[in-house]
Amino acid sequence: MLKTGEFGCNIVPPIEVTLSFNFPPPPQPGQQVKLVHRSLQKFDSCSGQASCFSDIRVPVTLQGYLRVASSAPRFAQPHSQLEWSYYQAGPANDTNPLVFLHGTSSTAAAFFYQVMSLSDKGYCVVSAQYPAYAGPDEWCKGFDLFLDSLRYRAVHLVGAGLGGFLAQHFACKHRSRVRSLVLCNSFASTHAFAMRAGTWGSLISLMPTAFLRQAMQDTLPQAGFMEMRAKQAVDWVGQQLNDLSGDDLASRLNLNVNGNQVGPLHFENHEVTVLESSGDTMVPEELRQQLKILYKGASFAELKSRGDFPYLSRPDEVTLFVEVHMRRFGAFAQGRAIAATLLTRSFLTPVVDQLRCRC
């Protein structure tokens, strides 16, 4: 045991952007601030033209940061109205891409710390936000198409909560596309959640959006001892729920209470790392123990951080364990400078500034 410290096929073409970040002093809540990205160069792979912008200013308030970040690239799933949004950063030729999958109440922006830090070190990183699916099987089909759109044959999956559960399902169906798993406060069965939901679970699709959003808010930790960082992370995740549609909320709740279980997985011990926060989390103890039994020989890391969102409250600790996991596959940090090369259009910087102020 180691102890330390979420149509037609219109794929957004990759656009390479080089950003040199110059972070301003932390603003106060509600304060009007100006974000300045200096020496920003953009290369459009379609036109082959490079353009340069200097002194770009984006006036926003802290409350509006997440909405600025909503301009993430999107992948429209063929023959449906479903769209994946995602952040992508790091070198295009990396043979060990990392894909982060959020939990029930989060979005792709929840892993911005890991996207920024790992891409700065030379890793290719994607944080994906999945649309509303009826069940795990449909989700796996959509994720398979999503990886095709990014031209990834095989990836390392990092899943938190529900994202980890779906990642395991995908690994069962498409083992050749999953090189390894990192599971953070996750689970391998939803039967315990289904038992708790009872008949309420069968009515989710009929409930109004406001009720679903409040139900999701109520599932977040509200009482008990939590360090300040953990409380701030919960508050930030709660704010993200306001940006989710009713379909997204209903889908995520249904995926949590559908009574499914992960099938047989064929992973070597070194291919799985389980990260678990110290203390109680929203995952019942029986499911935590079940995950340990399922991956008995895997690497298990007990995090110093308490709470359900250690990737927000203790991002350096989670990033370190992901790096250690990747070293087993010959993927080492390259020690790149702060100036990062982003492969797609991204407004992650405002989100980073917001949480640096809050956490």
Protein backbone atom coordinates (compact mmCIF):
# COMPACT_ATOMS: atom_id res chain seq x y z
CA MET A 1 0.00 0.00 0.00
CA LEU A 2 1.27 3.40 -0.93
CA LYS A 3 0.60 6.22 1.49
CA THR A 4 1.30 9.82 0.58
CA GLY A 5 0.33 12.84 0.57
CA GLU A 6 -18.19 13.29 -17.16
CA PHE A 7 -25.94 13.87 -36.56
CA GLY A 8 -23.36 14.02 -38.91
CA CYS A 9 -19.80 13.47 -38.05
CA ASN A 10 -18.43 17.03 -37.83
CA ILE A 11 -15.07 16.62 -36.18
CA VAL A 12 -13.36 19.84 -35.13
CA PRO A 13 -10.00 19.96 -36.93
CA PRO A 14 -7.02 20.20 -34.58
CA ILE A 15 -5.59 23.65 -34.11
CA GLU A 16 -2.19 24.06 -32.56
CA VAL A 17 -1.91 26.93 -30.12
CA THR A 18 1.19 27.96 -28.22
CA LEU A 19 0.40 29.83 -25.02
CA SER A 20 2.80 31.62 -22.73
CA PHE A 21 0.90 32.14 -19.51
CA ASN A 22 1.29 35.27 -17.44
CA PHE A 23 -1.01 34.83 -14.48
CA PRO A 24 -2.26 37.98 -12.71
CA PRO A 25 -2.50 38.29 -8.93
CA PRO A 26 -5.47 36.36 -7.51
CA PRO A 27 -8.63 38.49 -7.75
CA GLN A 28 -11.22 38.75 -5.02
CA PRO A 29 -14.62 37.04 -5.41
CA GLY A 30 -16.82 39.09 -7.75
CA GLN A 31 -13.97 41.37 -8.76
CA GLN A 32 -13.75 42.36 -12.44
CA VAL A 33 -10.45 41.09 -13.76
CA LYS A 34 -8.57 41.06 -17.04
CA LEU A 35 -6.75 37.98 -18.24
CA VAL A 36 -3.82 38.70 -20.53
CA HIS A 37 -2.36 36.00 -22.77
CA ARG A 38 0.82 37.39 -24.24
CA SER A 39 2.54 36.23 -27.43
CA LEU A 40 -0.25 33.90 -28.45
CA GLN A 41 0.31 32.22 -31.81
CA LYS A 42 -2.23 30.08 -33.61
CA PHE A 43 -1.60 27.69 -36.50
CA ASP A 44 -4.67 26.57 -38.42
CA SER A 45 -4.00 23.11 -39.82
CA CYS A 46 -6.78 23.53 -42.40
CA SER A 47 -5.61 26.76 -44.03
CA GLY A 48 -1.96 26.30 -43.18
CA GLN A 49 -1.85 29.92 -42.04
CA ALA A 50 -0.32 31.15 -38.80
CA SER A 51 -1.70 34.19 -37.06
CA CYS A 52 -0.44 36.13 -34.08
CA PHE A 53 -2.43 37.97 -31.45
CA SER A 54 -0.87 40.18 -28.84
CA ASP A 55 -2.30 41.38 -25.57
CA ILE A 56 -5.61 39.50 -25.79
CA ARG A 57 -7.91 40.61 -22.99
CA VAL A 58 -10.89 38.66 -21.69
CA PRO A 59 -12.81 40.65 -19.05
CA VAL A 60 -14.74 38.20 -16.86
CA THR A 61 -15.86 37.84 -13.27
CA LEU A 62 -15.09 34.81 -11.13
CA GLN A 63 -18.68 33.62 -11.50
CA GLY A 64 -18.35 33.64 -15.28
CA TYR A 65 -15.12 31.70 -15.60
CA LEU A 66 -16.74 28.34 -16.27
CA ARG A 67 -18.93 29.79 -19.01
CA VAL A 68 -15.87 31.19 -20.73
CA ALA A 69 -14.39 27.69 -20.58
CA SER A 70 -17.41 26.20 -22.34
CA SER A 71 -15.82 26.84 -25.74
CA ALA A 72 -14.17 23.42 -25.70
CA PRO A 73 -13.94 21.44 -28.95
CA ARG A 74 -16.80 19.04 -29.61
CA PHE A 75 -17.31 15.71 -31.34
CA ALA A 76 -20.78 15.04 -32.74
CA GLN A 77 -21.59 11.34 -32.66
CA PRO A 78 -22.75 10.15 -36.11
CA HIS A 79 -26.47 9.47 -36.61
CA SER A 80 -27.43 11.01 -33.28
CA GLN A 81 -27.77 14.33 -31.50
CA LEU A 82 -25.11 13.46 -28.94
CA GLU A 83 -21.99 15.62 -28.56
CA TRP A 84 -18.80 15.05 -26.62
CA SER A 85 -16.84 18.09 -25.45
CA TYR A 86 -13.24 17.86 -24.37
CA TYR A 87 -9.96 19.57 -23.54
CA GLN A 88 -6.83 18.24 -25.22
CA ALA A 89 -3.24 19.23 -24.53
CA GLY A 90 0.28 17.92 -25.06
CA PRO A 91 2.32 16.55 -27.96
CA ALA A 92 0.45 15.07 -30.92
CA ASN A 93 2.91 12.21 -31.43
CA ASP A 94 2.69 10.79 -27.90
CA THR A 95 2.06 7.04 -27.99
CA ASN A 96 0.64 6.99 -24.44
CA PRO A 97 -2.37 9.33 -24.45
CA LEU A 98 -4.16 9.84 -21.14
CA VAL A 99 -7.95 10.28 -21.14
CA PHE A 100 -9.67 11.57 -17.99
CA LEU A 101 -13.34 10.75 -17.35
CA HIS A 102 -15.30 12.76 -14.79
CA GLY A 103 -17.79 11.55 -12.21
CA THR A 104 -21.54 12.02 -11.78
CA SER A 105 -21.52 15.67 -10.75
CA SER A 106 -18.46 16.94 -12.63
CA THR A 107 -17.50 18.09 -16.11
CA ALA A 108 -14.37 17.93 -18.25
CA ALA A 109 -13.10 21.10 -16.53
CA ALA A 110 -12.74 19.22 -13.23
CA PHE A 111 -9.36 17.82 -14.37
CA PHE A 112 -7.88 21.12 -15.54
CA TYR A 113 -5.05 20.88 -12.97
CA GLN A 114 -4.00 17.50 -14.35
CA VAL A 115 -4.42 18.59 -17.99
CA MET A 116 -2.19 21.63 -17.48
CA SER A 117 0.43 19.95 -15.29
CA LEU A 118 0.82 16.70 -17.25
CA SER A 119 0.83 18.39 -20.66
CA ASP A 120 3.55 20.75 -19.42
CA LYS A 121 5.59 17.65 -18.67
CA GLY A 122 5.21 16.23 -22.16
CA TYR A 123 2.19 13.95 -21.80
CA CYS A 124 -0.72 13.97 -24.24
CA VAL A 125 -3.82 14.53 -22.10
CA VAL A 126 -7.55 14.65 -22.85
CA SER A 127 -10.32 15.46 -20.41
CA ALA A 128 -13.62 14.34 -21.93
CA GLN A 129 -17.18 15.28 -21.04
CA TYR A 130 -19.67 12.67 -22.16
CA PRO A 131 -23.25 13.39 -23.27
CA ALA A 132 -26.45 11.72 -22.06
CA TYR A 133 -26.56 7.96 -22.64
CA ALA A 134 -29.23 5.49 -21.60
CA GLY A 135 -26.83 2.86 -20.26
CA PRO A 136 -23.21 1.69 -20.04
CA ASP A 137 -23.38 -0.25 -23.32
CA GLU A 138 -24.52 2.82 -25.27
CA TRP A 139 -21.84 4.88 -23.51
CA CYS A 140 -19.15 2.41 -24.58
CA LYS A 141 -20.24 2.64 -28.21
CA GLY A 142 -20.09 6.43 -28.05
CA PHE A 143 -16.69 6.46 -26.35
CA ASP A 144 -15.34 4.08 -28.98
CA LEU A 145 -16.37 6.54 -31.70
CA PHE A 146 -14.95 9.43 -29.69
CA LEU A 147 -11.53 7.77 -29.55
CA ASP A 148 -11.78 7.14 -33.30
CA SER A 149 -12.35 10.84 -33.86
CA LEU A 150 -9.14 11.62 -31.94
CA ARG A 151 -7.31 8.88 -33.87
CA TYR A 152 -6.28 7.05 -30.70
CA ARG A 153 -5.91 3.30 -31.05
CA ALA A 154 -5.31 2.66 -27.35
CA VAL A 155 -5.33 4.94 -24.31
CA HIS A 156 -4.66 5.03 -20.58
CA LEU A 157 -7.94 5.79 -18.79
CA VAL A 158 -8.21 7.82 -15.58
CA GLY A 159 -11.73 7.68 -14.19
CA ALA A 160 -13.23 9.30 -11.11
CA GLY A 161 -16.43 7.96 -9.57
CA LEU A 162 -18.89 7.17 -12.34
CA GLY A 163 -16.17 7.85 -14.90
CA GLY A 164 -14.10 5.01 -13.44
CA PHE A 165 -17.11 2.68 -13.52
CA LEU A 166 -17.70 3.47 -17.21
CA ALA A 167 -13.98 3.12 -17.96
CA GLN A 168 -14.08 -0.43 -16.56
CA HIS A 169 -17.11 -1.24 -18.70
CA PHE A 170 -15.27 0.02 -21.76
CA ALA A 171 -12.24 -2.08 -20.88
CA CYS A 172 -14.46 -5.17 -20.73
CA LYS A 173 -15.82 -4.58 -24.21
CA HIS A 174 -12.74 -3.09 -25.87
CA ARG A 175 -9.76 -4.49 -24.01
CA SER A 176 -7.36 -3.78 -26.89
CA ARG A 177 -8.11 -0.05 -26.67
CA VAL A 178 -7.31 0.28 -22.95
CA ARG A 179 -3.66 0.09 -21.96
CA SER A 180 -4.23 0.71 -18.28
CA LEU A 181 -6.66 2.03 -15.67
CA VAL A 182 -6.37 4.60 -12.89
CA LEU A 183 -9.49 4.59 -10.71
CA CYS A 184 -10.09 7.43 -8.24
CA ASN A 185 -12.81 7.00 -5.61
CA SER A 186 -14.58 4.71 -8.05
CA PHE A 187 -16.62 1.49 -7.93
CA ALA A 188 -17.30 -1.65 -9.98
CA SER A 189 -21.01 -2.09 -9.26
CA THR A 190 -24.05 0.17 -8.92
CA HIS A 191 -26.26 -2.35 -7.09
CA ALA A 192 -25.77 -0.57 -3.75
CA PHE A 193 -26.87 2.74 -5.30
CA ALA A 194 -29.88 1.02 -6.91
CA MET A 195 -30.95 -0.41 -3.54
CA ARG A 196 -30.73 3.01 -1.93
CA ALA A 197 -32.68 4.70 -4.73
CA GLY A 198 -35.54 2.16 -4.63
CA THR A 199 -38.58 3.08 -6.73
CA TRP A 200 -37.28 6.66 -7.04
CA GLY A 201 -34.71 5.42 -9.55
CA SER A 202 -37.38 4.36 -12.03
CA LEU A 203 -38.89 7.87 -12.06
CA ILE A 204 -35.72 9.83 -12.86
CA SER A 205 -36.53 10.32 -16.53
CA LEU A 206 -39.93 11.81 -15.62
CA MET A 207 -38.67 14.39 -13.14
CA PRO A 208 -38.18 18.10 -13.96
CA THR A 209 -34.67 19.47 -14.39
CA ALA A 210 -34.83 21.65 -11.26
CA PHE A 211 -35.68 18.61 -9.13
CA LEU A 212 -32.86 16.54 -10.64
CA ARG A 213 -30.35 19.34 -10.10
CA GLN A 214 -31.39 19.69 -6.47
CA ALA A 215 -31.22 15.92 -5.99
CA MET A 216 -27.69 15.97 -7.36
CA GLN A 217 -26.76 18.86 -5.07
CA ASP A 218 -28.11 16.91 -2.11
CA THR A 219 -25.76 13.99 -2.86
CA LEU A 220 -22.70 16.21 -2.39
CA PRO A 221 -21.07 16.13 1.07
CA GLN A 222 -22.70 18.76 3.27
CA ALA A 223 -21.71 17.89 6.82
CA GLY A 224 -18.90 16.37 8.83
CA PHE A 225 -15.25 17.29 9.09
CA MET A 226 -13.66 18.48 5.85
CA GLU A 227 -10.53 20.50 5.34
CA MET A 228 -11.02 23.87 3.66
CA ARG A 229 -9.67 22.69 0.30
CA ALA A 230 -12.14 19.81 0.21
CA LYS A 231 -15.04 22.13 1.05
CA GLN A 232 -14.00 24.53 -1.70
CA ALA A 233 -13.81 21.65 -4.18
CA VAL A 234 -17.34 20.55 -3.26
CA ASP A 235 -18.59 24.12 -3.68
CA TRP A 236 -16.95 24.40 -7.10
CA VAL A 237 -18.40 21.08 -8.29
CA GLY A 238 -21.82 22.22 -7.07
CA GLN A 239 -21.57 25.31 -9.24
CA GLN A 240 -20.85 23.15 -12.28
CA LEU A 241 -24.19 21.40 -11.89
CA ASN A 242 -25.89 24.62 -12.97
CA ASP A 243 -24.37 24.23 -16.44
CA LEU A 244 -25.68 20.69 -17.01
CA SER A 245 -28.88 20.07 -18.96
CA GLY A 246 -31.79 18.04 -17.68
CA ASP A 247 -30.88 15.21 -20.06
CA ASP A 248 -27.32 15.12 -18.70
CA LEU A 249 -28.52 15.07 -15.09
CA ALA A 250 -31.07 12.33 -15.74
CA SER A 251 -28.56 10.22 -17.67
CA ARG A 252 -25.90 10.38 -14.97
CA LEU A 253 -28.35 9.54 -12.20
CA ASN A 254 -29.70 6.63 -14.25
CA LEU A 255 -26.19 5.32 -14.89
CA ASN A 256 -25.61 5.39 -11.12
CA VAL A 257 -28.74 3.46 -10.15
CA ASN A 258 -29.19 1.03 -13.06
CA GLY A 259 -27.92 -1.95 -11.07
CA ASN A 260 -25.06 -2.87 -13.41
CA GLN A 261 -21.79 -4.55 -12.56
CA VAL A 262 -18.43 -4.66 -14.31
CA GLY A 263 -17.71 -7.96 -16.03
CA PRO A 264 -14.47 -9.97 -15.90
CA LEU A 265 -11.39 -7.81 -16.51
CA HIS A 266 -8.10 -9.14 -17.80
CA PHE A 267 -5.45 -6.73 -16.55
CA GLU A 268 -1.99 -7.37 -15.22
CA ASN A 269 -1.39 -6.05 -11.73
CA HIS A 270 0.85 -3.23 -12.93
CA GLU A 271 -1.84 -2.03 -15.35
CA VAL A 272 -4.26 -0.88 -12.64
CA THR A 273 -3.85 1.79 -9.96
CA VAL A 274 -6.58 2.50 -7.40
CA LEU A 275 -6.59 5.92 -5.72
CA GLU A 276 -8.74 6.37 -2.65
CA SER A 277 -9.27 9.36 -0.40
CA SER A 278 -8.81 8.92 3.31
CA GLY A 279 -11.99 9.01 5.36
CA ASP A 280 -15.54 8.66 4.12
CA THR A 281 -16.61 9.44 0.55
CA MET A 282 -19.88 9.25 -1.38
CA VAL A 283 -18.89 5.71 -2.42
CA PRO A 284 -20.26 3.21 0.15
CA GLU A 285 -17.69 1.21 2.09
CA GLU A 286 -18.96 -2.06 0.63
CA LEU A 287 -18.19 -0.84 -2.90
CA ARG A 288 -14.76 0.37 -1.87
CA GLN A 289 -13.94 -3.03 -0.45
CA GLN A 290 -15.34 -4.73 -3.53
CA LEU A 291 -13.00 -2.73 -5.76
CA LYS A 292 -9.99 -3.72 -3.65
CA ILE A 293 -10.94 -7.38 -3.95
CA LEU A 294 -11.50 -7.13 -7.70
CA TYR A 295 -8.03 -5.63 -8.18
CA LYS A 296 -6.33 -7.45 -5.34
CA GLY A 297 -2.83 -7.34 -6.83
CA ALA A 298 -3.06 -3.81 -8.24
CA SER A 299 -1.30 -0.75 -6.84
CA PHE A 300 -3.39 0.89 -4.15
CA ALA A 301 -2.72 4.48 -3.08
CA GLU A 302 -4.34 5.98 -0.01
CA LEU A 303 -4.39 9.74 -0.50
CA LYS A 304 -3.80 12.24 2.27
CA SER A 305 -6.75 14.26 1.04
CA ARG A 306 -10.21 13.71 2.46
CA GLY A 307 -13.31 14.18 0.33
CA ASP A 308 -14.54 13.01 -3.06
CA PHE A 309 -12.59 15.35 -5.32
CA PRO A 310 -8.88 15.02 -4.50
CA TYR A 311 -7.96 16.01 -8.07
CA LEU A 312 -9.27 19.46 -7.13
CA SER A 313 -8.40 19.71 -3.44
CA ARG A 314 -4.97 18.03 -3.69
CA PRO A 315 -4.15 18.12 -7.41
CA ASP A 316 -0.38 17.72 -7.04
CA GLU A 317 -0.82 14.47 -5.11
CA VAL A 318 -3.16 12.95 -7.70
CA THR A 319 -0.96 14.12 -10.57
CA LEU A 320 2.07 12.51 -8.92
CA PHE A 321 0.37 9.12 -8.68
CA VAL A 322 -0.72 9.33 -12.31
CA GLU A 323 2.89 10.06 -13.27
CA VAL A 324 4.13 7.09 -11.23
CA HIS A 325 1.55 4.91 -12.96
CA MET A 326 2.65 6.09 -16.41
CA ARG A 327 6.32 5.33 -15.69
CA ARG A 328 5.49 1.63 -15.73
CA PHE A 329 4.80 2.02 -19.45
CA GLY A 330 7.96 3.93 -20.26
CA ALA A 331 6.23 7.31 -20.26
CA PHE A 332 8.34 9.78 -18.28
CA ALA A 333 7.95 13.50 -17.74
CA GLN A 334 9.93 15.56 -20.24
CA GLY A 335 10.40 18.57 -17.96
CA ARG A 336 8.87 21.05 -20.34
CA ALA A 337 8.61 24.75 -19.54
CA ILE A 338 5.40 26.48 -18.50
CA ALA A 339 4.74 27.50 -22.11
CA ALA A 340 2.49 24.65 -23.28
CA THR A 341 1.48 23.48 -26.72
CA LEU A 342 -2.26 22.89 -26.93
CA LEU A 343 -3.61 20.80 -29.77
CA THR A 344 -7.09 22.26 -29.74
CA ARG A 345 -8.71 25.58 -28.98
CA SER A 346 -9.06 25.83 -25.22
CA PHE A 347 -9.96 28.42 -22.60
CA LEU A 348 -8.65 26.42 -19.65
CA THR A 349 -6.66 29.34 -18.28
CA PRO A 350 -9.70 31.23 -16.86
CA VAL A 351 -10.78 28.04 -15.09
CA VAL A 352 -7.28 27.58 -13.68
CA ASP A 353 -7.24 31.14 -12.35
CA GLN A 354 -10.62 30.65 -10.70
CA LEU A 355 -9.62 27.59 -8.74
CA ARG A 356 -6.23 28.98 -7.84
CA CYS A 357 -8.16 31.73 -6.12
CA ARG A 358 -10.56 29.33 -4.43
CA CYS A 359 -8.21 26.52 -3.48
